[in-house]
Amino acid sequence: MAILRYLARKYKVADHWYADDLKVVTLRRTGKPMDEAELTEKIERFDKSLRTIEKVFLIEDKEYVASEEINIANICSDASPSTRTDVLANHPKLAAWKERVEQRLRPDYDDVFKDLFEFDAKT
């Protein structure tokens, strides 16, 4: 998915290929603009889901999702790297977990996503 996002951004393809904006995605899917109150409600629900993930899966004595060692679940959960920090700004346990996963996978992680990170830095 990350590579598709990278290519869509690099070549500035039409929104129907890969829209970053939730409002554009909603307009395309439903044919009508997203209501701002509905968007706020959905963001709040998403935030609540992130809090649940922190409480249920990031157990106090475990470094990774329900585990002391990195595993496939952790790698898949962090499969869409992004330089965006706003999504996890209110979720320090998730942010710390994401950093642990990425650190554990380095230097390969940086090599795989090098082009994406360079592109994100330019935009």
PDB file of N, CA and C in Angstrom:
ATOM      1  N   MET A   1       0.815  -1.182   0.000  1.00  0.00           N
ATOM      2  CA  MET A   1       0.000   0.000   0.000  1.00  0.00           C
ATOM      3  C   MET A   1       0.870   1.261   0.000  1.00  0.00           C
ATOM      4  N   ALA A   2       1.920   1.243   0.771  1.00  0.00           N
ATOM      5  CA  ALA A   2       2.786   2.422   0.856  1.00  0.00           C
ATOM      6  C   ALA A   2       3.381   2.764  -0.506  1.00  0.00           C
ATOM      7  N   ILE A   3       3.767   1.755  -1.249  1.00  0.00           N
ATOM      8  CA  ILE A   3       4.382   2.024  -2.550  1.00  0.00           C
ATOM      9  C   ILE A   3       3.347   2.590  -3.521  1.00  0.00           C
ATOM     10  N   LEU A   4       2.102   2.144  -3.421  1.00  0.00           N
ATOM     11  CA  LEU A   4       1.057   2.693  -4.282  1.00  0.00           C
ATOM     12  C   LEU A   4       0.799   4.160  -3.942  1.00  0.00           C
ATOM     13  N   ARG A   5       0.788   4.471  -2.647  1.00  0.00           N
ATOM     14  CA  ARG A   5       0.607   5.862  -2.234  1.00  0.00           C
ATOM     15  C   ARG A   5       1.765   6.718  -2.760  1.00  0.00           C
ATOM     16  N   TYR A   6       2.964   6.187  -2.619  1.00  0.00           N
ATOM     17  CA  TYR A   6       4.146   6.894  -3.104  1.00  0.00           C
ATOM     18  C   TYR A   6       4.022   7.195  -4.601  1.00  0.00           C
ATOM     19  N   LEU A   7       3.680   6.195  -5.387  1.00  0.00           N
ATOM     20  CA  LEU A   7       3.580   6.381  -6.832  1.00  0.00           C
ATOM     21  C   LEU A   7       2.475   7.370  -7.186  1.00  0.00           C
ATOM     22  N   ALA A   8       1.345   7.274  -6.483  1.00  0.00           N
ATOM     23  CA  ALA A   8       0.243   8.204  -6.748  1.00  0.00           C
ATOM     24  C   ALA A   8       0.647   9.642  -6.459  1.00  0.00           C
ATOM     25  N   ARG A   9       1.384   9.837  -5.388  1.00  0.00           N
ATOM     26  CA  ARG A   9       1.826  11.191  -5.043  1.00  0.00           C
ATOM     27  C   ARG A   9       2.928  11.663  -5.985  1.00  0.00           C
ATOM     28  N   LYS A  10       3.870  10.780  -6.280  1.00  0.00           N
ATOM     29  CA  LYS A  10       5.002  11.161  -7.137  1.00  0.00           C
ATOM     30  C   LYS A  10       4.528  11.605  -8.509  1.00  0.00           C
ATOM     31  N   TYR A  11       3.594  10.860  -9.076  1.00  0.00           N
ATOM     32  CA  TYR A  11       3.147  11.162 -10.425  1.00  0.00           C
ATOM     33  C   TYR A  11       1.861  11.979 -10.468  1.00  0.00           C
ATOM     34  N   LYS A  12       1.416  12.443  -9.287  1.00  0.00           N
ATOM     35  CA  LYS A  12       0.245  13.314  -9.176  1.00  0.00           C
ATOM     36  C   LYS A  12      -0.919  12.801 -10.018  1.00  0.00           C
ATOM     37  N   VAL A  13      -1.285  11.550  -9.747  1.00  0.00           N
ATOM     38  CA  VAL A  13      -2.383  10.936 -10.484  1.00  0.00           C
ATOM     39  C   VAL A  13      -3.719  11.481  -9.990  1.00  0.00           C
ATOM     40  N   ALA A  14      -4.752  11.232 -10.746  1.00  0.00           N
ATOM     41  CA  ALA A  14      -6.100  11.682 -10.375  1.00  0.00           C
ATOM     42  C   ALA A  14      -6.520  11.074  -9.032  1.00  0.00           C
ATOM     43  N   ASP A  15      -7.361  11.805  -8.317  1.00  0.00           N
ATOM     44  CA  ASP A  15      -7.802  11.370  -6.991  1.00  0.00           C
ATOM     45  C   ASP A  15      -8.459   9.990  -6.985  1.00  0.00           C
ATOM     46  N   HIS A  16      -9.058   9.608  -8.117  1.00  0.00           N
ATOM     47  CA  HIS A  16      -9.729   8.307  -8.094  1.00  0.00           C
ATOM     48  C   HIS A  16      -8.744   7.154  -7.920  1.00  0.00           C
ATOM     49  N   TRP A  17      -7.441   7.389  -8.188  1.00  0.00           N
ATOM     50  CA  TRP A  17      -6.443   6.349  -7.981  1.00  0.00           C
ATOM     51  C   TRP A  17      -6.074   6.209  -6.515  1.00  0.00           C
ATOM     52  N   TYR A  18      -5.824   7.348  -5.870  1.00  0.00           N
ATOM     53  CA  TYR A  18      -5.457   7.312  -4.451  1.00  0.00           C
ATOM     54  C   TYR A  18      -5.697   8.699  -3.874  1.00  0.00           C
ATOM     55  N   ALA A  19      -6.766   8.830  -3.137  1.00  0.00           N
ATOM     56  CA  ALA A  19      -7.104  10.117  -2.532  1.00  0.00           C
ATOM     57  C   ALA A  19      -6.643  10.127  -1.087  1.00  0.00           C
ATOM     58  N   ASP A  20      -5.858  11.120  -0.729  1.00  0.00           N
ATOM     59  CA  ASP A  20      -5.397  11.268   0.651  1.00  0.00           C
ATOM     60  C   ASP A  20      -6.458  11.921   1.528  1.00  0.00           C
ATOM     61  N   ASP A  21      -7.277  12.731   0.926  1.00  0.00           N
ATOM     62  CA  ASP A  21      -8.247  13.522   1.673  1.00  0.00           C
ATOM     63  C   ASP A  21      -9.518  12.708   1.907  1.00  0.00           C
ATOM     64  N   LEU A  22      -9.900  12.552   3.178  1.00  0.00           N
ATOM     65  CA  LEU A  22     -11.100  11.793   3.523  1.00  0.00           C
ATOM     66  C   LEU A  22     -12.336  12.384   2.868  1.00  0.00           C
ATOM     67  N   LYS A  23     -12.371  13.704   2.723  1.00  0.00           N
ATOM     68  CA  LYS A  23     -13.516  14.351   2.086  1.00  0.00           C
ATOM     69  C   LYS A  23     -13.626  13.946   0.622  1.00  0.00           C
ATOM     70  N   VAL A  24     -12.479  13.844  -0.069  1.00  0.00           N
ATOM     71  CA  VAL A  24     -12.474  13.433  -1.475  1.00  0.00           C
ATOM     72  C   VAL A  24     -12.924  11.979  -1.592  1.00  0.00           C
ATOM     73  N   VAL A  25     -12.440  11.140  -0.692  1.00  0.00           N
ATOM     74  CA  VAL A  25     -12.827   9.724  -0.706  1.00  0.00           C
ATOM     75  C   VAL A  25     -14.327   9.600  -0.516  1.00  0.00           C
ATOM     76  N   THR A  26     -14.882  10.336   0.424  1.00  0.00           N
ATOM     77  CA  THR A  26     -16.315  10.281   0.700  1.00  0.00           C
ATOM     78  C   THR A  26     -17.118  10.793  -0.482  1.00  0.00           C
ATOM     79  N   LEU A  27     -16.689  11.893  -1.065  1.00  0.00           N
ATOM     80  CA  LEU A  27     -17.382  12.439  -2.233  1.00  0.00           C
ATOM     81  C   LEU A  27     -17.399  11.428  -3.369  1.00  0.00           C
ATOM     82  N   ARG A  28     -16.268  10.803  -3.597  1.00  0.00           N
ATOM     83  CA  ARG A  28     -16.171   9.820  -4.668  1.00  0.00           C
ATOM     84  C   ARG A  28     -17.056   8.608  -4.392  1.00  0.00           C
ATOM     85  N   ARG A  29     -17.086   8.158  -3.144  1.00  0.00           N
ATOM     86  CA  ARG A  29     -17.847   6.957  -2.801  1.00  0.00           C
ATOM     87  C   ARG A  29     -19.348   7.210  -2.765  1.00  0.00           C
ATOM     88  N   THR A  30     -19.759   8.345  -2.232  1.00  0.00           N
ATOM     89  CA  THR A  30     -21.187   8.589  -2.037  1.00  0.00           C
ATOM     90  C   THR A  30     -21.790   9.551  -3.048  1.00  0.00           C
ATOM     91  N   GLY A  31     -20.955  10.342  -3.698  1.00  0.00           N
ATOM     92  CA  GLY A  31     -21.467  11.322  -4.636  1.00  0.00           C
ATOM     93  C   GLY A  31     -21.867  12.627  -3.982  1.00  0.00           C
ATOM     94  N   LYS A  32     -21.702  12.732  -2.680  1.00  0.00           N
ATOM     95  CA  LYS A  32     -22.021  13.985  -1.994  1.00  0.00           C
ATOM     96  C   LYS A  32     -20.930  14.303  -0.981  1.00  0.00           C
ATOM     97  N   PRO A  33     -20.726  15.591  -0.710  1.00  0.00           N
ATOM     98  CA  PRO A  33     -19.665  15.972   0.217  1.00  0.00           C
ATOM     99  C   PRO A  33     -19.924  15.448   1.630  1.00  0.00           C
ATOM    100  N   MET A  34     -18.834  15.233   2.362  1.00  0.00           N
ATOM    101  CA  MET A  34     -18.965  14.760   3.737  1.00  0.00           C
ATOM    102  C   MET A  34     -19.411  15.897   4.637  1.00  0.00           C
ATOM    103  N   ASP A  35     -20.355  15.609   5.460  1.00  0.00           N
ATOM    104  CA  ASP A  35     -20.827  16.549   6.462  1.00  0.00           C
ATOM    105  C   ASP A  35     -19.745  16.733   7.526  1.00  0.00           C
ATOM    106  N   GLU A  36     -19.434  17.979   7.872  1.00  0.00           N
ATOM    107  CA  GLU A  36     -18.364  18.257   8.844  1.00  0.00           C
ATOM    108  C   GLU A  36     -18.643  17.601  10.198  1.00  0.00           C
ATOM    109  N   ALA A  37     -19.886  17.596  10.640  1.00  0.00           N
ATOM    110  CA  ALA A  37     -20.233  16.964  11.922  1.00  0.00           C
ATOM    111  C   ALA A  37     -19.996  15.462  11.848  1.00  0.00           C
ATOM    112  N   GLU A  38     -20.313  14.877  10.709  1.00  0.00           N
ATOM    113  CA  GLU A  38     -20.087  13.441  10.517  1.00  0.00           C
ATOM    114  C   GLU A  38     -18.587  13.139  10.513  1.00  0.00           C
ATOM    115  N   LEU A  39     -17.815  13.989   9.866  1.00  0.00           N
ATOM    116  CA  LEU A  39     -16.364  13.810   9.848  1.00  0.00           C
ATOM    117  C   LEU A  39     -15.804  13.874  11.260  1.00  0.00           C
ATOM    118  N   THR A  40     -16.235  14.834  12.033  1.00  0.00           N
ATOM    119  CA  THR A  40     -15.787  14.969  13.425  1.00  0.00           C
ATOM    120  C   THR A  40     -16.141  13.721  14.224  1.00  0.00           C
ATOM    121  N   GLU A  41     -17.349  13.223  14.032  1.00  0.00           N
ATOM    122  CA  GLU A  41     -17.794  12.022  14.752  1.00  0.00           C
ATOM    123  C   GLU A  41     -16.950  10.814  14.359  1.00  0.00           C
ATOM    124  N   LYS A  42     -16.633  10.686  13.093  1.00  0.00           N
ATOM    125  CA  LYS A  42     -15.818   9.547  12.642  1.00  0.00           C
ATOM    126  C   LYS A  42     -14.391   9.642  13.167  1.00  0.00           C
ATOM    127  N   ILE A  43     -13.855  10.836  13.216  1.00  0.00           N
ATOM    128  CA  ILE A  43     -12.510  11.010  13.771  1.00  0.00           C
ATOM    129  C   ILE A  43     -12.509  10.648  15.251  1.00  0.00           C
ATOM    130  N   GLU A  44     -13.548  11.035  15.967  1.00  0.00           N
ATOM    131  CA  GLU A  44     -13.658  10.688  17.387  1.00  0.00           C
ATOM    132  C   GLU A  44     -13.761   9.171  17.574  1.00  0.00           C
ATOM    133  N   ARG A  45     -14.513   8.499  16.711  1.00  0.00           N
ATOM    134  CA  ARG A  45     -14.617   7.031  16.787  1.00  0.00           C
ATOM    135  C   ARG A  45     -13.276   6.380  16.496  1.00  0.00           C
ATOM    136  N   PHE A  46     -12.547   6.902  15.519  1.00  0.00           N
ATOM    137  CA  PHE A  46     -11.228   6.379  15.191  1.00  0.00           C
ATOM    138  C   PHE A  46     -10.290   6.552  16.380  1.00  0.00           C
ATOM    139  N   ASP A  47     -10.340   7.720  16.999  1.00  0.00           N
ATOM    140  CA  ASP A  47      -9.517   7.996  18.171  1.00  0.00           C
ATOM    141  C   ASP A  47      -9.853   7.019  19.307  1.00  0.00           C
ATOM    142  N   LYS A  48     -11.121   6.742  19.481  1.00  0.00           N
ATOM    143  CA  LYS A  48     -11.551   5.780  20.507  1.00  0.00           C
ATOM    144  C   LYS A  48     -10.995   4.388  20.192  1.00  0.00           C
ATOM    145  N   SER A  49     -10.983   4.021  18.928  1.00  0.00           N
ATOM    146  CA  SER A  49     -10.425   2.720  18.527  1.00  0.00           C
ATOM    147  C   SER A  49      -8.937   2.648  18.852  1.00  0.00           C
ATOM    148  N   LEU A  50      -8.218   3.735  18.624  1.00  0.00           N
ATOM    149  CA  LEU A  50      -6.797   3.755  18.953  1.00  0.00           C
ATOM    150  C   LEU A  50      -6.585   3.598  20.461  1.00  0.00           C
ATOM    151  N   ARG A  51      -7.436   4.220  21.257  1.00  0.00           N
ATOM    152  CA  ARG A  51      -7.338   4.058  22.718  1.00  0.00           C
ATOM    153  C   ARG A  51      -7.574   2.602  23.117  1.00  0.00           C
ATOM    154  N   THR A  52      -8.532   1.958  22.462  1.00  0.00           N
ATOM    155  CA  THR A  52      -8.817   0.543  22.749  1.00  0.00           C
ATOM    156  C   THR A  52      -7.618  -0.322  22.395  1.00  0.00           C
ATOM    157  N   ILE A  53      -7.003  -0.066  21.261  1.00  0.00           N
ATOM    158  CA  ILE A  53      -5.813  -0.824  20.864  1.00  0.00           C
ATOM    159  C   ILE A  53      -4.730  -0.679  21.923  1.00  0.00           C
ATOM    160  N   GLU A  54      -4.537   0.537  22.416  1.00  0.00           N
ATOM    161  CA  GLU A  54      -3.536   0.753  23.464  1.00  0.00           C
ATOM    162  C   GLU A  54      -3.856  -0.071  24.714  1.00  0.00           C
ATOM    163  N   LYS A  55      -5.103  -0.072  25.111  1.00  0.00           N
ATOM    164  CA  LYS A  55      -5.492  -0.757  26.349  1.00  0.00           C
ATOM    165  C   LYS A  55      -5.480  -2.272  26.221  1.00  0.00           C
ATOM    166  N   VAL A  56      -5.905  -2.775  25.068  1.00  0.00           N
ATOM    167  CA  VAL A  56      -6.078  -4.222  24.909  1.00  0.00           C
ATOM    168  C   VAL A  56      -4.803  -4.917  24.421  1.00  0.00           C
ATOM    169  N   PHE A  57      -4.131  -4.327  23.458  1.00  0.00           N
ATOM    170  CA  PHE A  57      -3.021  -5.024  22.813  1.00  0.00           C
ATOM    171  C   PHE A  57      -1.637  -4.597  23.284  1.00  0.00           C
ATOM    172  N   LEU A  58      -1.509  -3.399  23.782  1.00  0.00           N
ATOM    173  CA  LEU A  58      -0.206  -2.945  24.253  1.00  0.00           C
ATOM    174  C   LEU A  58      -0.145  -3.112  25.767  1.00  0.00           C
ATOM    175  N   ILE A  59       0.039  -4.347  26.151  1.00  0.00           N
ATOM    176  CA  ILE A  59       0.049  -4.731  27.552  1.00  0.00           C
ATOM    177  C   ILE A  59       1.294  -4.161  28.223  1.00  0.00           C
ATOM    178  N   GLU A  60       1.127  -3.670  29.441  1.00  0.00           N
ATOM    179  CA  GLU A  60       2.190  -2.981  30.179  1.00  0.00           C
ATOM    180  C   GLU A  60       3.566  -3.653  30.108  1.00  0.00           C
ATOM    181  N   ASP A  61       3.630  -4.948  30.328  1.00  0.00           N
ATOM    182  CA  ASP A  61       4.931  -5.606  30.423  1.00  0.00           C
ATOM    183  C   ASP A  61       5.440  -6.165  29.093  1.00  0.00           C
ATOM    184  N   LYS A  62       4.789  -5.817  27.990  1.00  0.00           N
ATOM    185  CA  LYS A  62       5.187  -6.322  26.677  1.00  0.00           C
ATOM    186  C   LYS A  62       5.690  -5.175  25.803  1.00  0.00           C
ATOM    187  N   GLU A  63       6.760  -5.420  25.093  1.00  0.00           N
ATOM    188  CA  GLU A  63       7.314  -4.415  24.191  1.00  0.00           C
ATOM    189  C   GLU A  63       6.521  -4.308  22.890  1.00  0.00           C
ATOM    190  N   TYR A  64       5.929  -5.411  22.484  1.00  0.00           N
ATOM    191  CA  TYR A  64       5.226  -5.466  21.207  1.00  0.00           C
ATOM    192  C   TYR A  64       3.782  -5.887  21.445  1.00  0.00           C
ATOM    193  N   VAL A  65       2.998  -5.924  20.391  1.00  0.00           N
ATOM    194  CA  VAL A  65       1.596  -6.296  20.508  1.00  0.00           C
ATOM    195  C   VAL A  65       1.504  -7.690  21.121  1.00  0.00           C
ATOM    196  N   ALA A  66       1.045  -7.720  22.366  1.00  0.00           N
ATOM    197  CA  ALA A  66       0.824  -8.957  23.112  1.00  0.00           C
ATOM    198  C   ALA A  66       2.013  -9.914  23.075  1.00  0.00           C
ATOM    199  N   SER A  67       3.208  -9.366  23.027  1.00  0.00           N
ATOM    200  CA  SER A  67       4.384 -10.216  22.914  1.00  0.00           C
ATOM    201  C   SER A  67       5.627  -9.489  23.423  1.00  0.00           C
ATOM    202  N   GLU A  68       6.591 -10.277  23.849  1.00  0.00           N
ATOM    203  CA  GLU A  68       7.879  -9.696  24.246  1.00  0.00           C
ATOM    204  C   GLU A  68       8.838  -9.606  23.066  1.00  0.00           C
ATOM    205  N   GLU A  69       8.525 -10.305  21.993  1.00  0.00           N
ATOM    206  CA  GLU A  69       9.355 -10.304  20.793  1.00  0.00           C
ATOM    207  C   GLU A  69       8.534  -9.797  19.614  1.00  0.00           C
ATOM    208  N   ILE A  70       9.215  -9.218  18.642  1.00  0.00           N
ATOM    209  CA  ILE A  70       8.521  -8.774  17.437  1.00  0.00           C
ATOM    210  C   ILE A  70       7.999  -9.998  16.692  1.00  0.00           C
ATOM    211  N   ASN A  71       6.864  -9.841  16.033  1.00  0.00           N
ATOM    212  CA  ASN A  71       6.269 -10.939  15.278  1.00  0.00           C
ATOM    213  C   ASN A  71       5.526 -10.378  14.071  1.00  0.00           C
ATOM    214  N   ILE A  72       4.942 -11.264  13.297  1.00  0.00           N
ATOM    215  CA  ILE A  72       4.247 -10.862  12.071  1.00  0.00           C
ATOM    216  C   ILE A  72       3.121  -9.865  12.368  1.00  0.00           C
ATOM    217  N   ALA A  73       2.397 -10.058  13.458  1.00  0.00           N
ATOM    218  CA  ALA A  73       1.301  -9.142  13.799  1.00  0.00           C
ATOM    219  C   ALA A  73       1.806  -7.712  13.939  1.00  0.00           C
ATOM    220  N   ASN A  74       2.958  -7.542  14.560  1.00  0.00           N
ATOM    221  CA  ASN A  74       3.515  -6.207  14.725  1.00  0.00           C
ATOM    222  C   ASN A  74       3.957  -5.611  13.392  1.00  0.00           C
ATOM    223  N   ILE A  75       4.571  -6.424  12.566  1.00  0.00           N
ATOM    224  CA  ILE A  75       5.041  -5.940  11.271  1.00  0.00           C
ATOM    225  C   ILE A  75       3.846  -5.534  10.399  1.00  0.00           C
ATOM    226  N   CYS A  76       2.815  -6.365  10.362  1.00  0.00           N
ATOM    227  CA  CYS A  76       1.626  -6.053   9.555  1.00  0.00           C
ATOM    228  C   CYS A  76       0.893  -4.825  10.092  1.00  0.00           C
ATOM    229  N   SER A  77       0.876  -4.667  11.393  1.00  0.00           N
ATOM    230  CA  SER A  77       0.198  -3.516  11.991  1.00  0.00           C
ATOM    231  C   SER A  77       0.899  -2.215  11.656  1.00  0.00           C
ATOM    232  N   ASP A  78       2.170  -2.282  11.354  1.00  0.00           N
ATOM    233  CA  ASP A  78       2.941  -1.092  11.012  1.00  0.00           C
ATOM    234  C   ASP A  78       3.322  -1.102   9.535  1.00  0.00           C
ATOM    235  N   ALA A  79       2.485  -1.725   8.712  1.00  0.00           N
ATOM    236  CA  ALA A  79       2.818  -1.925   7.304  1.00  0.00           C
ATOM    237  C   ALA A  79       2.648  -0.677   6.447  1.00  0.00           C
ATOM    238  N   SER A  80       2.000   0.336   6.952  1.00  0.00           N
ATOM    239  CA  SER A  80       1.824   1.570   6.187  1.00  0.00           C
ATOM    240  C   SER A  80       2.558   2.706   6.871  1.00  0.00           C
ATOM    241  N   PRO A  81       3.855   2.765   6.670  1.00  0.00           N
ATOM    242  CA  PRO A  81       4.629   3.796   7.350  1.00  0.00           C
ATOM    243  C   PRO A  81       4.236   5.176   6.855  1.00  0.00           C
ATOM    244  N   SER A  82       4.361   6.120   7.715  1.00  0.00           N
ATOM    245  CA  SER A  82       4.040   7.491   7.367  1.00  0.00           C
ATOM    246  C   SER A  82       4.853   8.409   8.254  1.00  0.00           C
ATOM    247  N   THR A  83       5.153   9.568   7.747  1.00  0.00           N
ATOM    248  CA  THR A  83       5.834  10.544   8.573  1.00  0.00           C
ATOM    249  C   THR A  83       4.820  11.380   9.349  1.00  0.00           C
ATOM    250  N   ARG A  84       3.545  11.138   9.133  1.00  0.00           N
ATOM    251  CA  ARG A  84       2.506  11.864   9.882  1.00  0.00           C
ATOM    252  C   ARG A  84       2.571  11.472  11.344  1.00  0.00           C
ATOM    253  N   THR A  85       2.611  12.476  12.180  1.00  0.00           N
ATOM    254  CA  THR A  85       2.639  12.222  13.617  1.00  0.00           C
ATOM    255  C   THR A  85       1.325  12.602  14.278  1.00  0.00           C
ATOM    256  N   ASP A  86       0.473  13.329  13.568  1.00  0.00           N
ATOM    257  CA  ASP A  86      -0.766  13.801  14.169  1.00  0.00           C
ATOM    258  C   ASP A  86      -1.723  12.679  14.558  1.00  0.00           C
ATOM    259  N   VAL A  87      -1.708  11.586  13.829  1.00  0.00           N
ATOM    260  CA  VAL A  87      -2.627  10.482  14.113  1.00  0.00           C
ATOM    261  C   VAL A  87      -2.363   9.883  15.492  1.00  0.00           C
ATOM    262  N   LEU A  88      -1.111   9.779  15.878  1.00  0.00           N
ATOM    263  CA  LEU A  88      -0.758   9.169  17.161  1.00  0.00           C
ATOM    264  C   LEU A  88      -0.419  10.198  18.239  1.00  0.00           C
ATOM    265  N   ALA A  89      -0.656  11.468  17.970  1.00  0.00           N
ATOM    266  CA  ALA A  89      -0.283  12.520  18.917  1.00  0.00           C
ATOM    267  C   ALA A  89      -0.900  12.329  20.301  1.00  0.00           C
ATOM    268  N   ASN A  90      -2.113  11.822  20.367  1.00  0.00           N
ATOM    269  CA  ASN A  90      -2.793  11.617  21.654  1.00  0.00           C
ATOM    270  C   ASN A  90      -2.666  10.185  22.164  1.00  0.00           C
ATOM    271  N   HIS A  91      -1.779   9.419  21.536  1.00  0.00           N
ATOM    272  CA  HIS A  91      -1.643   7.999  21.890  1.00  0.00           C
ATOM    273  C   HIS A  91      -0.166   7.645  22.084  1.00  0.00           C
ATOM    274  N   PRO A  92       0.404   8.051  23.205  1.00  0.00           N
ATOM    275  CA  PRO A  92       1.844   7.848  23.418  1.00  0.00           C
ATOM    276  C   PRO A  92       2.271   6.381  23.428  1.00  0.00           C
ATOM    277  N   LYS A  93       1.423   5.488  23.913  1.00  0.00           N
ATOM    278  CA  LYS A  93       1.800   4.070  23.908  1.00  0.00           C
ATOM    279  C   LYS A  93       1.898   3.537  22.483  1.00  0.00           C
ATOM    280  N   LEU A  94       0.962   3.936  21.630  1.00  0.00           N
ATOM    281  CA  LEU A  94       1.009   3.510  20.227  1.00  0.00           C
ATOM    282  C   LEU A  94       2.202   4.133  19.511  1.00  0.00           C
ATOM    283  N   ALA A  95       2.472   5.391  19.776  1.00  0.00           N
ATOM    284  CA  ALA A  95       3.619   6.058  19.154  1.00  0.00           C
ATOM    285  C   ALA A  95       4.923   5.384  19.566  1.00  0.00           C
ATOM    286  N   ALA A  96       5.043   5.044  20.851  1.00  0.00           N
ATOM    287  CA  ALA A  96       6.253   4.365  21.340  1.00  0.00           C
ATOM    288  C   ALA A  96       6.372   2.976  20.735  1.00  0.00           C
ATOM    289  N   TRP A  97       5.248   2.264  20.627  1.00  0.00           N
ATOM    290  CA  TRP A  97       5.251   0.931  20.008  1.00  0.00           C
ATOM    291  C   TRP A  97       5.694   1.033  18.552  1.00  0.00           C
ATOM    292  N   LYS A  98       5.128   1.992  17.808  1.00  0.00           N
ATOM    293  CA  LYS A  98       5.478   2.165  16.392  1.00  0.00           C
ATOM    294  C   LYS A  98       6.980   2.400  16.254  1.00  0.00           C
ATOM    295  N   GLU A  99       7.528   3.233  17.124  1.00  0.00           N
ATOM    296  CA  GLU A  99       8.966   3.510  17.084  1.00  0.00           C
ATOM    297  C   GLU A  99       9.779   2.249  17.400  1.00  0.00           C
ATOM    298  N   ARG A 100       9.331   1.439  18.372  1.00  0.00           N
ATOM    299  CA  ARG A 100      10.046   0.189  18.708  1.00  0.00           C
ATOM    300  C   ARG A 100      10.058  -0.767  17.524  1.00  0.00           C
ATOM    301  N   VAL A 101       8.906  -0.897  16.851  1.00  0.00           N
ATOM    302  CA  VAL A 101       8.828  -1.797  15.694  1.00  0.00           C
ATOM    303  C   VAL A 101       9.796  -1.322  14.610  1.00  0.00           C
ATOM    304  N   GLU A 102       9.753  -0.040  14.308  1.00  0.00           N
ATOM    305  CA  GLU A 102      10.614   0.488  13.255  1.00  0.00           C
ATOM    306  C   GLU A 102      12.086   0.355  13.622  1.00  0.00           C
ATOM    307  N   GLN A 103      12.436   0.627  14.876  1.00  0.00           N
ATOM    308  CA  GLN A 103      13.824   0.478  15.331  1.00  0.00           C
ATOM    309  C   GLN A 103      14.279  -0.968  15.202  1.00  0.00           C
ATOM    310  N   ARG A 104      13.417  -1.886  15.577  1.00  0.00           N
ATOM    311  CA  ARG A 104      13.763  -3.317  15.537  1.00  0.00           C
ATOM    312  C   ARG A 104      14.000  -3.797  14.106  1.00  0.00           C
ATOM    313  N   LEU A 105      13.291  -3.196  13.151  1.00  0.00           N
ATOM    314  CA  LEU A 105      13.392  -3.618  11.755  1.00  0.00           C
ATOM    315  C   LEU A 105      14.482  -2.879  10.966  1.00  0.00           C
ATOM    316  N   ARG A 106      15.104  -1.902  11.599  1.00  0.00           N
ATOM    317  CA  ARG A 106      16.170  -1.162  10.923  1.00  0.00           C
ATOM    318  C   ARG A 106      17.437  -2.004  10.837  1.00  0.00           C
ATOM    319  N   PRO A 107      18.209  -1.860   9.797  1.00  0.00           N
ATOM    320  CA  PRO A 107      18.174  -0.841   8.749  1.00  0.00           C
ATOM    321  C   PRO A 107      17.265  -1.191   7.578  1.00  0.00           C
ATOM    322  N   ASP A 108      16.743  -2.400   7.557  1.00  0.00           N
ATOM    323  CA  ASP A 108      15.904  -2.823   6.430  1.00  0.00           C
ATOM    324  C   ASP A 108      14.673  -1.951   6.260  1.00  0.00           C
ATOM    325  N   TYR A 109      14.069  -1.557   7.372  1.00  0.00           N
ATOM    326  CA  TYR A 109      12.873  -0.715   7.329  1.00  0.00           C
ATOM    327  C   TYR A 109      13.156   0.565   6.554  1.00  0.00           C
ATOM    328  N   ASP A 110      14.249   1.227   6.886  1.00  0.00           N
ATOM    329  CA  ASP A 110      14.592   2.472   6.210  1.00  0.00           C
ATOM    330  C   ASP A 110      14.901   2.251   4.737  1.00  0.00           C
ATOM    331  N   ASP A 111      15.543   1.134   4.424  1.00  0.00           N
ATOM    332  CA  ASP A 111      15.883   0.830   3.039  1.00  0.00           C
ATOM    333  C   ASP A 111      14.616   0.593   2.208  1.00  0.00           C
ATOM    334  N   VAL A 112      13.683  -0.164   2.742  1.00  0.00           N
ATOM    335  CA  VAL A 112      12.450  -0.487   2.020  1.00  0.00           C
ATOM    336  C   VAL A 112      11.629   0.774   1.754  1.00  0.00           C
ATOM    337  N   PHE A 113      11.563   1.667   2.739  1.00  0.00           N
ATOM    338  CA  PHE A 113      10.696   2.834   2.624  1.00  0.00           C
ATOM    339  C   PHE A 113      11.441   4.137   2.323  1.00  0.00           C
ATOM    340  N   LYS A 114      12.696   4.033   1.891  1.00  0.00           N
ATOM    341  CA  LYS A 114      13.523   5.215   1.636  1.00  0.00           C
ATOM    342  C   LYS A 114      12.851   6.203   0.692  1.00  0.00           C
ATOM    343  N   ASP A 115      12.374   5.734  -0.445  1.00  0.00           N
ATOM    344  CA  ASP A 115      11.753   6.626  -1.425  1.00  0.00           C
ATOM    345  C   ASP A 115      10.501   7.293  -0.863  1.00  0.00           C
ATOM    346  N   LEU A 116       9.715   6.550  -0.115  1.00  0.00           N
ATOM    347  CA  LEU A 116       8.506   7.113   0.480  1.00  0.00           C
ATOM    348  C   LEU A 116       8.846   8.228   1.467  1.00  0.00           C
ATOM    349  N   PHE A 117       9.839   7.976   2.314  1.00  0.00           N
ATOM    350  CA  PHE A 117      10.231   8.991   3.277  1.00  0.00           C
ATOM    351  C   PHE A 117      10.773  10.246   2.596  1.00  0.00           C
ATOM    352  N   GLU A 118      11.555  10.053   1.545  1.00  0.00           N
ATOM    353  CA  GLU A 118      12.071  11.212   0.803  1.00  0.00           C
ATOM    354  C   GLU A 118      10.938  11.997   0.157  1.00  0.00           C
ATOM    355  N   PHE A 119       9.970  11.274  -0.374  1.00  0.00           N
ATOM    356  CA  PHE A 119       8.826  11.941  -0.993  1.00  0.00           C
ATOM    357  C   PHE A 119       8.015  12.706   0.044  1.00  0.00           C
ATOM    358  N   ASP A 120       7.743  12.072   1.182  1.00  0.00           N
ATOM    359  CA  ASP A 120       6.993  12.742   2.251  1.00  0.00           C
ATOM    360  C   ASP A 120       7.708  13.997   2.721  1.00  0.00           C
ATOM    361  N   ALA A 121       9.020  13.953   2.758  1.00  0.00           N
ATOM    362  CA  ALA A 121       9.791  15.121   3.207  1.00  0.00           C
ATOM    363  C   ALA A 121       9.648  16.301   2.250  1.00  0.00           C
ATOM    364  N   LYS A 122       9.407  16.001   0.984  1.00  0.00           N
ATOM    365  CA  LYS A 122       9.269  17.051  -0.023  1.00  0.00           C
ATOM    366  C   LYS A 122       7.875  17.651  -0.059  1.00  0.00           C
ATOM    367  N   THR A 123       6.882  16.916   0.444  1.00  0.00           N
ATOM    368  CA  THR A 123       5.495  17.399   0.343  1.00  0.00           C
ATOM    369  C   THR A 123       5.025  18.047   1.605  1.00  0.00           C
TER     370      THR A 123
END
